[in-house]
Amino acid sequence: KTGKHKTKQWKRLVTKATFVGEGF
C-alpha cells in the first residue's frame, strides 16, 4: 500500500527468489 493515506494498492512485492541481470 502506497500514498499518503495508504490507499493506493498498485505495487507488488515479489515474495519468491528472483534473478536480475548484472547491470540492473
mmCIF file of all heavy atoms, coordinates in Angstrom:
data_MODEL
# 
_entry.id   MODEL 
# 
loop_
_atom_site.group_PDB 
_atom_site.id 
_atom_site.type_symbol 
_atom_site.label_atom_id 
_atom_site.label_alt_id 
_atom_site.label_comp_id 
_atom_site.label_asym_id 
_atom_site.label_entity_id 
_atom_site.label_seq_id 
_atom_site.pdbx_PDB_ins_code 
_atom_site.Cartn_x 
_atom_site.Cartn_y 
_atom_site.Cartn_z 
_atom_site.occupancy 
_atom_site.B_iso_or_equiv 
_atom_site.pdbx_formal_charge 
_atom_site.auth_seq_id 
_atom_site.auth_comp_id 
_atom_site.auth_asym_id 
_atom_site.auth_atom_id 
_atom_site.pdbx_PDB_model_num 
ATOM 1   N N   . LYS A 1 1  ? 0.858  -1.200  0.000   1.00 0.00 ? 1  LYS A N   1 
ATOM 2   C CA  . LYS A 1 1  ? 0.000  0.000   0.000   1.00 0.00 ? 1  LYS A CA  1 
ATOM 3   C C   . LYS A 1 1  ? 0.883  1.234   0.000   1.00 0.00 ? 1  LYS A C   1 
ATOM 4   O O   . LYS A 1 1  ? 1.827  1.343   0.783   1.00 0.00 ? 1  LYS A O   1 
ATOM 5   C CB  . LYS A 1 1  ? -0.919 -0.006  1.216   1.00 0.00 ? 1  LYS A CB  1 
ATOM 6   C CG  . LYS A 1 1  ? -1.953 -1.121  1.164   1.00 0.00 ? 1  LYS A CG  1 
ATOM 7   C CD  . LYS A 1 1  ? -2.912 -1.057  2.319   1.00 0.00 ? 1  LYS A CD  1 
ATOM 8   C CE  . LYS A 1 1  ? -3.939 -2.169  2.217   1.00 0.00 ? 1  LYS A CE  1 
ATOM 9   N NZ  . LYS A 1 1  ? -4.892 -2.126  3.329   1.00 0.00 ? 1  LYS A NZ  1 
ATOM 10  N N   . THR A 1 2  ? 0.566  2.191   -0.897  1.00 0.00 ? 2  THR A N   1 
ATOM 11  C CA  . THR A 1 2  ? 1.369  3.414   -1.012  1.00 0.00 ? 2  THR A CA  1 
ATOM 12  C C   . THR A 1 2  ? 0.460  4.638   -0.937  1.00 0.00 ? 2  THR A C   1 
ATOM 13  O O   . THR A 1 2  ? -0.758 4.524   -0.850  1.00 0.00 ? 2  THR A O   1 
ATOM 14  C CB  . THR A 1 2  ? 2.124  3.428   -2.351  1.00 0.00 ? 2  THR A CB  1 
ATOM 15  O OG1 . THR A 1 2  ? 1.200  3.226   -3.416  1.00 0.00 ? 2  THR A OG1 1 
ATOM 16  C CG2 . THR A 1 2  ? 3.178  2.334   -2.419  1.00 0.00 ? 2  THR A CG2 1 
ATOM 17  N N   . GLY A 1 3  ? 1.091  5.808   -1.014  1.00 0.00 ? 3  GLY A N   1 
ATOM 18  C CA  . GLY A 1 3  ? 0.330  7.057   -0.938  1.00 0.00 ? 3  GLY A CA  1 
ATOM 19  C C   . GLY A 1 3  ? 0.291  7.580   0.478   1.00 0.00 ? 3  GLY A C   1 
ATOM 20  O O   . GLY A 1 3  ? 0.615  6.871   1.439   1.00 0.00 ? 3  GLY A O   1 
ATOM 21  N N   . LYS A 1 4  ? -0.134 8.817   0.612   1.00 0.00 ? 4  LYS A N   1 
ATOM 22  C CA  . LYS A 1 4  ? -0.138 9.497   1.915   1.00 0.00 ? 4  LYS A CA  1 
ATOM 23  C C   . LYS A 1 4  ? -1.041 8.771   2.923   1.00 0.00 ? 4  LYS A C   1 
ATOM 24  O O   . LYS A 1 4  ? -0.694 8.603   4.084   1.00 0.00 ? 4  LYS A O   1 
ATOM 25  C CB  . LYS A 1 4  ? -0.622 10.933  1.715   1.00 0.00 ? 4  LYS A CB  1 
ATOM 26  C CG  . LYS A 1 4  ? -0.420 11.816  2.933   1.00 0.00 ? 4  LYS A CG  1 
ATOM 27  C CD  . LYS A 1 4  ? -0.837 13.239  2.641   1.00 0.00 ? 4  LYS A CD  1 
ATOM 28  C CE  . LYS A 1 4  ? -0.673 14.123  3.865   1.00 0.00 ? 4  LYS A CE  1 
ATOM 29  N NZ  . LYS A 1 4  ? -1.141 15.485  3.612   1.00 0.00 ? 4  LYS A NZ  1 
ATOM 30  N N   . HIS A 1 5  ? -2.215 8.337   2.433   1.00 0.00 ? 5  HIS A N   1 
ATOM 31  C CA  . HIS A 1 5  ? -3.170 7.674   3.330   1.00 0.00 ? 5  HIS A CA  1 
ATOM 32  C C   . HIS A 1 5  ? -3.193 6.162   3.116   1.00 0.00 ? 5  HIS A C   1 
ATOM 33  O O   . HIS A 1 5  ? -4.142 5.494   3.531   1.00 0.00 ? 5  HIS A O   1 
ATOM 34  C CB  . HIS A 1 5  ? -4.567 8.257   3.110   1.00 0.00 ? 5  HIS A CB  1 
ATOM 35  C CG  . HIS A 1 5  ? -4.624 9.724   3.353   1.00 0.00 ? 5  HIS A CG  1 
ATOM 36  N ND1 . HIS A 1 5  ? -4.525 10.265  4.615   1.00 0.00 ? 5  HIS A ND1 1 
ATOM 37  C CD2 . HIS A 1 5  ? -4.726 10.782  2.494   1.00 0.00 ? 5  HIS A CD2 1 
ATOM 38  C CE1 . HIS A 1 5  ? -4.591 11.589  4.518   1.00 0.00 ? 5  HIS A CE1 1 
ATOM 39  N NE2 . HIS A 1 5  ? -4.701 11.921  3.246   1.00 0.00 ? 5  HIS A NE2 1 
ATOM 40  N N   . LYS A 1 6  ? -2.146 5.637   2.413   1.00 0.00 ? 6  LYS A N   1 
ATOM 41  C CA  . LYS A 1 6  ? -2.010 4.197   2.141   1.00 0.00 ? 6  LYS A CA  1 
ATOM 42  C C   . LYS A 1 6  ? -3.270 3.614   1.491   1.00 0.00 ? 6  LYS A C   1 
ATOM 43  O O   . LYS A 1 6  ? -3.758 2.551   1.872   1.00 0.00 ? 6  LYS A O   1 
ATOM 44  C CB  . LYS A 1 6  ? -1.691 3.432   3.441   1.00 0.00 ? 6  LYS A CB  1 
ATOM 45  C CG  . LYS A 1 6  ? -0.414 3.867   4.118   1.00 0.00 ? 6  LYS A CG  1 
ATOM 46  C CD  . LYS A 1 6  ? 0.812  3.365   3.374   1.00 0.00 ? 6  LYS A CD  1 
ATOM 47  C CE  . LYS A 1 6  ? 2.102  3.748   4.045   1.00 0.00 ? 6  LYS A CE  1 
ATOM 48  N NZ  . LYS A 1 6  ? 2.859  4.765   3.387   1.00 0.00 ? 6  LYS A NZ  1 
ATOM 49  N N   . THR A 1 7  ? -3.778 4.316   0.511   1.00 0.00 ? 7  THR A N   1 
ATOM 50  C CA  . THR A 1 7  ? -4.991 3.854   -0.176  1.00 0.00 ? 7  THR A CA  1 
ATOM 51  C C   . THR A 1 7  ? -4.681 3.237   -1.540  1.00 0.00 ? 7  THR A C   1 
ATOM 52  O O   . THR A 1 7  ? -5.487 2.506   -2.091  1.00 0.00 ? 7  THR A O   1 
ATOM 53  C CB  . THR A 1 7  ? -5.981 5.026   -0.381  1.00 0.00 ? 7  THR A CB  1 
ATOM 54  O OG1 . THR A 1 7  ? -5.265 6.118   -0.962  1.00 0.00 ? 7  THR A OG1 1 
ATOM 55  C CG2 . THR A 1 7  ? -6.610 5.450   0.930   1.00 0.00 ? 7  THR A CG2 1 
ATOM 56  N N   . LYS A 1 8  ? -3.501 3.573   -2.086  1.00 0.00 ? 8  LYS A N   1 
ATOM 57  C CA  . LYS A 1 8  ? -3.153 3.044   -3.418  1.00 0.00 ? 8  LYS A CA  1 
ATOM 58  C C   . LYS A 1 8  ? -2.575 1.637   -3.265  1.00 0.00 ? 8  LYS A C   1 
ATOM 59  O O   . LYS A 1 8  ? -1.735 1.403   -2.404  1.00 0.00 ? 8  LYS A O   1 
ATOM 60  C CB  . LYS A 1 8  ? -2.138 3.964   -4.109  1.00 0.00 ? 8  LYS A CB  1 
ATOM 61  C CG  . LYS A 1 8  ? -2.723 5.327   -4.409  1.00 0.00 ? 8  LYS A CG  1 
ATOM 62  C CD  . LYS A 1 8  ? -1.677 6.269   -4.932  1.00 0.00 ? 8  LYS A CD  1 
ATOM 63  C CE  . LYS A 1 8  ? -2.265 7.652   -5.148  1.00 0.00 ? 8  LYS A CE  1 
ATOM 64  N NZ  . LYS A 1 8  ? -1.246 8.608   -5.544  1.00 0.00 ? 8  LYS A NZ  1 
ATOM 65  N N   . GLN A 1 9  ? -3.028 0.715   -4.122  1.00 0.00 ? 9  GLN A N   1 
ATOM 66  C CA  . GLN A 1 9  ? -2.604 -0.679  -3.992  1.00 0.00 ? 9  GLN A CA  1 
ATOM 67  C C   . GLN A 1 9  ? -2.134 -1.246  -5.321  1.00 0.00 ? 9  GLN A C   1 
ATOM 68  O O   . GLN A 1 9  ? -2.443 -2.376  -5.665  1.00 0.00 ? 9  GLN A O   1 
ATOM 69  C CB  . GLN A 1 9  ? -3.761 -1.527  -3.453  1.00 0.00 ? 9  GLN A CB  1 
ATOM 70  C CG  . GLN A 1 9  ? -4.254 -1.073  -2.105  1.00 0.00 ? 9  GLN A CG  1 
ATOM 71  C CD  . GLN A 1 9  ? -5.334 -1.982  -1.561  1.00 0.00 ? 9  GLN A CD  1 
ATOM 72  O OE1 . GLN A 1 9  ? -5.641 -3.010  -2.127  1.00 0.00 ? 9  GLN A OE1 1 
ATOM 73  N NE2 . GLN A 1 9  ? -5.919 -1.592  -0.444  1.00 0.00 ? 9  GLN A NE2 1 
ATOM 74  N N   . TRP A 1 10 ? -1.326 -0.487  -6.059  1.00 0.00 ? 10 TRP A N   1 
ATOM 75  C CA  . TRP A 1 10 ? -0.893 -0.951  -7.386  1.00 0.00 ? 10 TRP A CA  1 
ATOM 76  C C   . TRP A 1 10 ? 0.492  -1.590  -7.362  1.00 0.00 ? 10 TRP A C   1 
ATOM 77  O O   . TRP A 1 10 ? 0.897  -2.240  -8.303  1.00 0.00 ? 10 TRP A O   1 
ATOM 78  C CB  . TRP A 1 10 ? -0.900 0.189   -8.403  1.00 0.00 ? 10 TRP A CB  1 
ATOM 79  C CG  . TRP A 1 10 ? -0.059 1.362   -8.030  1.00 0.00 ? 10 TRP A CG  1 
ATOM 80  C CD1 . TRP A 1 10 ? -0.444 2.415   -7.260  1.00 0.00 ? 10 TRP A CD1 1 
ATOM 81  C CD2 . TRP A 1 10 ? 1.300  1.617   -8.394  1.00 0.00 ? 10 TRP A CD2 1 
ATOM 82  N NE1 . TRP A 1 10 ? 0.600  3.306   -7.104  1.00 0.00 ? 10 TRP A NE1 1 
ATOM 83  C CE2 . TRP A 1 10 ? 1.680  2.847   -7.809  1.00 0.00 ? 10 TRP A CE2 1 
ATOM 84  C CE3 . TRP A 1 10 ? 2.233  0.941   -9.169  1.00 0.00 ? 10 TRP A CE3 1 
ATOM 85  C CZ2 . TRP A 1 10 ? 2.950  3.389   -7.966  1.00 0.00 ? 10 TRP A CZ2 1 
ATOM 86  C CZ3 . TRP A 1 10 ? 3.499  1.478   -9.326  1.00 0.00 ? 10 TRP A CZ3 1 
ATOM 87  C CH2 . TRP A 1 10 ? 3.845  2.692   -8.732  1.00 0.00 ? 10 TRP A CH2 1 
ATOM 88  N N   . LYS A 1 11 ? 1.209  -1.425  -6.250  1.00 0.00 ? 11 LYS A N   1 
ATOM 89  C CA  . LYS A 1 11 ? 2.549  -2.019  -6.164  1.00 0.00 ? 11 LYS A CA  1 
ATOM 90  C C   . LYS A 1 11 ? 2.482  -3.466  -5.673  1.00 0.00 ? 11 LYS A C   1 
ATOM 91  O O   . LYS A 1 11 ? 1.605  -3.803  -4.885  1.00 0.00 ? 11 LYS A O   1 
ATOM 92  C CB  . LYS A 1 11 ? 3.426  -1.211  -5.200  1.00 0.00 ? 11 LYS A CB  1 
ATOM 93  C CG  . LYS A 1 11 ? 4.107  -0.038  -5.844  1.00 0.00 ? 11 LYS A CG  1 
ATOM 94  C CD  . LYS A 1 11 ? 5.239  0.450   -4.995  1.00 0.00 ? 11 LYS A CD  1 
ATOM 95  C CE  . LYS A 1 11 ? 5.923  1.629   -5.662  1.00 0.00 ? 11 LYS A CE  1 
ATOM 96  N NZ  . LYS A 1 11 ? 7.197  1.950   -5.088  1.00 0.00 ? 11 LYS A NZ  1 
ATOM 97  N N   . ARG A 1 12 ? 3.452  -4.269  -6.159  1.00 0.00 ? 12 ARG A N   1 
ATOM 98  C CA  . ARG A 1 12 ? 3.518  -5.665  -5.736  1.00 0.00 ? 12 ARG A CA  1 
ATOM 99  C C   . ARG A 1 12 ? 4.936  -6.002  -5.288  1.00 0.00 ? 12 ARG A C   1 
ATOM 100 O O   . ARG A 1 12 ? 5.900  -5.654  -5.981  1.00 0.00 ? 12 ARG A O   1 
ATOM 101 C CB  . ARG A 1 12 ? 3.132  -6.599  -6.886  1.00 0.00 ? 12 ARG A CB  1 
ATOM 102 C CG  . ARG A 1 12 ? 1.700  -6.439  -7.370  1.00 0.00 ? 12 ARG A CG  1 
ATOM 103 C CD  . ARG A 1 12 ? 0.706  -7.021  -6.383  1.00 0.00 ? 12 ARG A CD  1 
ATOM 104 N NE  . ARG A 1 12 ? -0.669 -6.852  -6.830  1.00 0.00 ? 12 ARG A NE  1 
ATOM 105 C CZ  . ARG A 1 12 ? -1.427 -5.783  -6.581  1.00 0.00 ? 12 ARG A CZ  1 
ATOM 106 N NH1 . ARG A 1 12 ? -0.912 -4.765  -5.912  1.00 0.00 ? 12 ARG A NH1 1 
ATOM 107 N NH2 . ARG A 1 12 ? -2.675 -5.732  -6.994  1.00 0.00 ? 12 ARG A NH2 1 
ATOM 108 N N   . LEU A 1 13 ? 5.054  -6.698  -4.158  1.00 0.00 ? 13 LEU A N   1 
ATOM 109 C CA  . LEU A 1 13 ? 6.346  -7.145  -3.637  1.00 0.00 ? 13 LEU A CA  1 
ATOM 110 C C   . LEU A 1 13 ? 6.481  -8.625  -3.971  1.00 0.00 ? 13 LEU A C   1 
ATOM 111 O O   . LEU A 1 13 ? 5.633  -9.427  -3.582  1.00 0.00 ? 13 LEU A O   1 
ATOM 112 C CB  . LEU A 1 13 ? 6.425  -6.927  -2.120  1.00 0.00 ? 13 LEU A CB  1 
ATOM 113 C CG  . LEU A 1 13 ? 7.756  -7.286  -1.456  1.00 0.00 ? 13 LEU A CG  1 
ATOM 114 C CD1 . LEU A 1 13 ? 8.790  -6.201  -1.714  1.00 0.00 ? 13 LEU A CD1 1 
ATOM 115 C CD2 . LEU A 1 13 ? 7.564  -7.473  0.037   1.00 0.00 ? 13 LEU A CD2 1 
ATOM 116 N N   . VAL A 1 14 ? 7.528  -8.991  -4.707  1.00 0.00 ? 14 VAL A N   1 
ATOM 117 C CA  . VAL A 1 14 ? 7.745  -10.388 -5.092  1.00 0.00 ? 14 VAL A CA  1 
ATOM 118 C C   . VAL A 1 14 ? 8.268  -11.152 -3.880  1.00 0.00 ? 14 VAL A C   1 
ATOM 119 O O   . VAL A 1 14 ? 9.280  -10.774 -3.285  1.00 0.00 ? 14 VAL A O   1 
ATOM 120 C CB  . VAL A 1 14 ? 8.746  -10.490 -6.272  1.00 0.00 ? 14 VAL A CB  1 
ATOM 121 C CG1 . VAL A 1 14 ? 8.945  -11.946 -6.675  1.00 0.00 ? 14 VAL A CG1 1 
ATOM 122 C CG2 . VAL A 1 14 ? 8.248  -9.685  -7.458  1.00 0.00 ? 14 VAL A CG2 1 
ATOM 123 N N   . THR A 1 15 ? 7.571  -12.240 -3.507  1.00 0.00 ? 15 THR A N   1 
ATOM 124 C CA  . THR A 1 15 ? 7.937  -12.991 -2.292  1.00 0.00 ? 15 THR A CA  1 
ATOM 125 C C   . THR A 1 15 ? 8.781  -14.228 -2.610  1.00 0.00 ? 15 THR A C   1 
ATOM 126 O O   . THR A 1 15 ? 9.106  -14.992 -1.715  1.00 0.00 ? 15 THR A O   1 
ATOM 127 C CB  . THR A 1 15 ? 6.669  -13.435 -1.543  1.00 0.00 ? 15 THR A CB  1 
ATOM 128 O OG1 . THR A 1 15 ? 5.880  -14.238 -2.424  1.00 0.00 ? 15 THR A OG1 1 
ATOM 129 C CG2 . THR A 1 15 ? 5.871  -12.246 -1.067  1.00 0.00 ? 15 THR A CG2 1 
ATOM 130 N N   . LYS A 1 16 ? 9.104  -14.443 -3.884  1.00 0.00 ? 16 LYS A N   1 
ATOM 131 C CA  . LYS A 1 16 ? 9.891  -15.617 -4.277  1.00 0.00 ? 16 LYS A CA  1 
ATOM 132 C C   . LYS A 1 16 ? 11.310 -15.199 -4.679  1.00 0.00 ? 16 LYS A C   1 
ATOM 133 O O   . LYS A 1 16 ? 11.576 -14.019 -4.891  1.00 0.00 ? 16 LYS A O   1 
ATOM 134 C CB  . LYS A 1 16 ? 9.227  -16.341 -5.458  1.00 0.00 ? 16 LYS A CB  1 
ATOM 135 C CG  . LYS A 1 16 ? 7.797  -16.775 -5.187  1.00 0.00 ? 16 LYS A CG  1 
ATOM 136 C CD  . LYS A 1 16 ? 7.739  -17.931 -4.236  1.00 0.00 ? 16 LYS A CD  1 
ATOM 137 C CE  . LYS A 1 16 ? 6.308  -18.301 -3.891  1.00 0.00 ? 16 LYS A CE  1 
ATOM 138 N NZ  . LYS A 1 16 ? 6.197  -19.252 -2.813  1.00 0.00 ? 16 LYS A NZ  1 
ATOM 139 N N   . ALA A 1 17 ? 12.181 -16.183 -4.849  1.00 0.00 ? 17 ALA A N   1 
ATOM 140 C CA  . ALA A 1 17 ? 13.560 -15.916 -5.277  1.00 0.00 ? 17 ALA A CA  1 
ATOM 141 C C   . ALA A 1 17 ? 13.554 -15.360 -6.696  1.00 0.00 ? 17 ALA A C   1 
ATOM 142 O O   . ALA A 1 17 ? 12.734 -15.769 -7.523  1.00 0.00 ? 17 ALA A O   1 
ATOM 143 C CB  . ALA A 1 17 ? 14.366 -17.208 -5.240  1.00 0.00 ? 17 ALA A CB  1 
ATOM 144 N N   . THR A 1 18 ? 14.443 -14.424 -6.975  1.00 0.00 ? 18 THR A N   1 
ATOM 145 C CA  . THR A 1 18 ? 14.487 -13.793 -8.305  1.00 0.00 ? 18 THR A CA  1 
ATOM 146 C C   . THR A 1 18 ? 15.924 -13.706 -8.814  1.00 0.00 ? 18 THR A C   1 
ATOM 147 O O   . THR A 1 18 ? 16.873 -13.836 -8.043  1.00 0.00 ? 18 THR A O   1 
ATOM 148 C CB  . THR A 1 18 ? 13.906 -12.363 -8.273  1.00 0.00 ? 18 THR A CB  1 
ATOM 149 O OG1 . THR A 1 18 ? 14.581 -11.610 -7.266  1.00 0.00 ? 18 THR A OG1 1 
ATOM 150 C CG2 . THR A 1 18 ? 12.422 -12.351 -8.018  1.00 0.00 ? 18 THR A CG2 1 
ATOM 151 N N   . PHE A 1 19 ? 16.030 -13.482 -10.118 1.00 0.00 ? 19 PHE A N   1 
ATOM 152 C CA  . PHE A 1 19 ? 17.341 -13.222 -10.718 1.00 0.00 ? 19 PHE A CA  1 
ATOM 153 C C   . PHE A 1 19 ? 17.229 -11.958 -11.549 1.00 0.00 ? 19 PHE A C   1 
ATOM 154 O O   . PHE A 1 19 ? 16.302 -11.803 -12.346 1.00 0.00 ? 19 PHE A O   1 
ATOM 155 C CB  . PHE A 1 19 ? 17.778 -14.377 -11.625 1.00 0.00 ? 19 PHE A CB  1 
ATOM 156 C CG  . PHE A 1 19 ? 18.978 -14.029 -12.478 1.00 0.00 ? 19 PHE A CG  1 
ATOM 157 C CD1 . PHE A 1 19 ? 20.254 -14.018 -11.938 1.00 0.00 ? 19 PHE A CD1 1 
ATOM 158 C CD2 . PHE A 1 19 ? 18.814 -13.660 -13.807 1.00 0.00 ? 19 PHE A CD2 1 
ATOM 159 C CE1 . PHE A 1 19 ? 21.351 -13.668 -12.711 1.00 0.00 ? 19 PHE A CE1 1 
ATOM 160 C CE2 . PHE A 1 19 ? 19.910 -13.310 -14.590 1.00 0.00 ? 19 PHE A CE2 1 
ATOM 161 C CZ  . PHE A 1 19 ? 21.180 -13.320 -14.040 1.00 0.00 ? 19 PHE A CZ  1 
ATOM 162 N N   . VAL A 1 20 ? 18.150 -11.012 -11.330 1.00 0.00 ? 20 VAL A N   1 
ATOM 163 C CA  . VAL A 1 20 ? 18.209 -9.804  -12.162 1.00 0.00 ? 20 VAL A CA  1 
ATOM 164 C C   . VAL A 1 20 ? 19.603 -9.738  -12.792 1.00 0.00 ? 20 VAL A C   1 
ATOM 165 O O   . VAL A 1 20 ? 20.567 -10.260 -12.232 1.00 0.00 ? 20 VAL A O   1 
ATOM 166 C CB  . VAL A 1 20 ? 17.902 -8.518  -11.364 1.00 0.00 ? 20 VAL A CB  1 
ATOM 167 C CG1 . VAL A 1 20 ? 16.482 -8.499  -10.878 1.00 0.00 ? 20 VAL A CG1 1 
ATOM 168 C CG2 . VAL A 1 20 ? 18.861 -8.348  -10.205 1.00 0.00 ? 20 VAL A CG2 1 
ATOM 169 N N   . GLY A 1 21 ? 19.698 -9.137  -13.960 1.00 0.00 ? 21 GLY A N   1 
ATOM 170 C CA  . GLY A 1 21 ? 20.970 -9.089  -14.700 1.00 0.00 ? 21 GLY A CA  1 
ATOM 171 C C   . GLY A 1 21 ? 22.070 -8.338  -13.985 1.00 0.00 ? 21 GLY A C   1 
ATOM 172 O O   . GLY A 1 21 ? 21.852 -7.711  -12.940 1.00 0.00 ? 21 GLY A O   1 
ATOM 173 N N   . GLU A 1 22 ? 23.247 -8.371  -14.567 1.00 0.00 ? 22 GLU A N   1 
ATOM 174 C CA  . GLU A 1 22 ? 24.444 -7.770  -13.968 1.00 0.00 ? 22 GLU A CA  1 
ATOM 175 C C   . GLU A 1 22 ? 24.304 -6.259  -13.821 1.00 0.00 ? 22 GLU A C   1 
ATOM 176 O O   . GLU A 1 22 ? 24.556 -5.701  -12.764 1.00 0.00 ? 22 GLU A O   1 
ATOM 177 C CB  . GLU A 1 22 ? 25.665 -8.119  -14.832 1.00 0.00 ? 22 GLU A CB  1 
ATOM 178 C CG  . GLU A 1 22 ? 27.002 -7.884  -14.155 1.00 0.00 ? 22 GLU A CG  1 
ATOM 179 C CD  . GLU A 1 22 ? 27.225 -8.754  -12.932 1.00 0.00 ? 22 GLU A CD  1 
ATOM 180 O OE1 . GLU A 1 22 ? 26.981 -9.969  -13.000 1.00 0.00 ? 22 GLU A OE1 1 
ATOM 181 O OE2 . GLU A 1 22 ? 27.645 -8.192  -11.907 1.00 0.00 ? 22 GLU A OE2 1 
ATOM 182 N N   . GLY A 1 23 ? 23.904 -5.596  -14.896 1.00 0.00 ? 23 GLY A N   1 
ATOM 183 C CA  . GLY A 1 23 ? 23.832 -4.129  -14.847 1.00 0.00 ? 23 GLY A CA  1 
ATOM 184 C C   . GLY A 1 23 ? 22.441 -3.611  -14.527 1.00 0.00 ? 23 GLY A C   1 
ATOM 185 O O   . GLY A 1 23 ? 21.996 -2.588  -15.047 1.00 0.00 ? 23 GLY A O   1 
ATOM 186 N N   . PHE A 1 24 ? 21.716 -4.307  -13.649 1.00 0.00 ? 24 PHE A N   1 
ATOM 187 C CA  . PHE A 1 24 ? 20.322 -3.945  -13.333 1.00 0.00 ? 24 PHE A CA  1 
ATOM 188 C C   . PHE A 1 24 ? 20.261 -2.719  -12.440 1.00 0.00 ? 24 PHE A C   1 
ATOM 189 O O   . PHE A 1 24 ? 20.980 -2.622  -11.449 1.00 0.00 ? 24 PHE A O   1 
ATOM 190 C CB  . PHE A 1 24 ? 19.628 -5.129  -12.653 1.00 0.00 ? 24 PHE A CB  1 
ATOM 191 C CG  . PHE A 1 24 ? 18.248 -4.808  -12.143 1.00 0.00 ? 24 PHE A CG  1 
ATOM 192 C CD1 . PHE A 1 24 ? 17.191 -4.663  -13.015 1.00 0.00 ? 24 PHE A CD1 1 
ATOM 193 C CD2 . PHE A 1 24 ? 18.011 -4.640  -10.787 1.00 0.00 ? 24 PHE A CD2 1 
ATOM 194 C CE1 . PHE A 1 24 ? 15.915 -4.371  -12.546 1.00 0.00 ? 24 PHE A CE1 1 
ATOM 195 C CE2 . PHE A 1 24 ? 16.752 -4.344  -10.302 1.00 0.00 ? 24 PHE A CE2 1 
ATOM 196 C CZ  . PHE A 1 24 ? 15.696 -4.211  -11.189 1.00 0.00 ? 24 PHE A CZ  1 
# 
